[in-house]
Amino acid sequence: MVHVIRYHQQGGPEVLKWEEVELGKPGPGEVRIRHTAVGLNYVDTYQRSGLYPMPLPSPLGGEAAGVIEELGPGVADLKVGDRVAYGAAPLGGYSEARLIPAARLLKLPDGISDQTAAAAMLKGLTTEYLVNRSYNIKAGDTVLFHAAAGGVGLIFGQWAKAKGATVIGTVGGAEKAKLARDHGYAHVIDYTKEDFVARVGEITKGEKVPAVYDGVGKDTFMKSLDCLRPAGFLISFGQASGKVPPFDPGILAAKGSLYLQRPTLATYGAKREDLVAMAKNLFDMVLSGKIRIEIGQTYPLKDAARAHADLEGRRTTGSTVFVV
């Protein structure tokens, strides 16, 4: 028997339950992994709340690190004892141990700890496609990122700066502003005190930006369109403030023939070869020192409800890791 976090109904953090379940043997193409560290991501709250409806009872967690305990038939490129991590896998990371398709696992380099991997996989792989694929940032670009002090935001600022971009970030509060500046943001806008549309106009001398990265959603979506130059890209990859309401696509034309994308890691990492290439880019950036992964807080896995409440209450910074 192993302990897992599951929920039997959608709702607030209180629906998360610490339960025992029977874990069988790995099937063909699967391995059994014992977790050492598990990542918390905002998408977990979308699933728990019902914003992203899931079959019930449902597990949680698509990001974790650990050690392989057993191989199923047909697994040839991994062995028992390998340190591995994942950030694009079926749900089930909120657990002491689990069965998982071997094709979703990535071997960890010696220089990356389990906790760093658990904090970096989903958010780091997300950042990889944001900076290289959704809109391929070029040296000399100026781009805008909302929620710059969050887990993805802190990685994004460093990565975009390393590519030669000038990065503008929005945050709420002085402490988060300092954190963003320390992680690659040349300009930080405190949305509690400033109008970010006006500030972006000032910073760019009226030119605006070629790309806005928006993981906030409802509260920032429409104003983000006003930060884009003609034919600019709004990359809407999350909705921490709520779902973006329906809107007339004609608005994109009226505001300058704009592009809108709603990307996911599930799409960009669907093929094994793409996932491996993305992970190599991420590991290389971390090992080179160009990106440092900030773990702002840790919780015991059984305290997942408290961690969800803190995340939604904007009481966390950087990445959050559950210790197993």
Foldseek 3Di string as FASTA:
>chain_A
DWWFWWFFDAAALVRTATDDDDADQAAAQKFKWFFFKAFDDPVQNCDRNCVPDDDPRDGAGFWTKGFTCGDHPPDDPDDGGFTKIAQQFPGDRLIRMHMGRPLRIDTDDPVADRHNRNLQHNLVLVLLCVCPPLDPQAAPFEEEEEQLQEANNLQNLLVNVVRRYAYEYEDADDVSQVSSVVRRHPHYHHVVVDDVLVVLCVVVVNQAGQEYEAAQAQVCPVSNLSRHHAQHEYEHAHHLPDHHDDDDPVVCVVSHVYHYHHDHSCVQPVDSVSSNVSVVVSSVCCVVVSHDADAFEEAASSVVSVVSVCVSVVVTGHIYMHGD
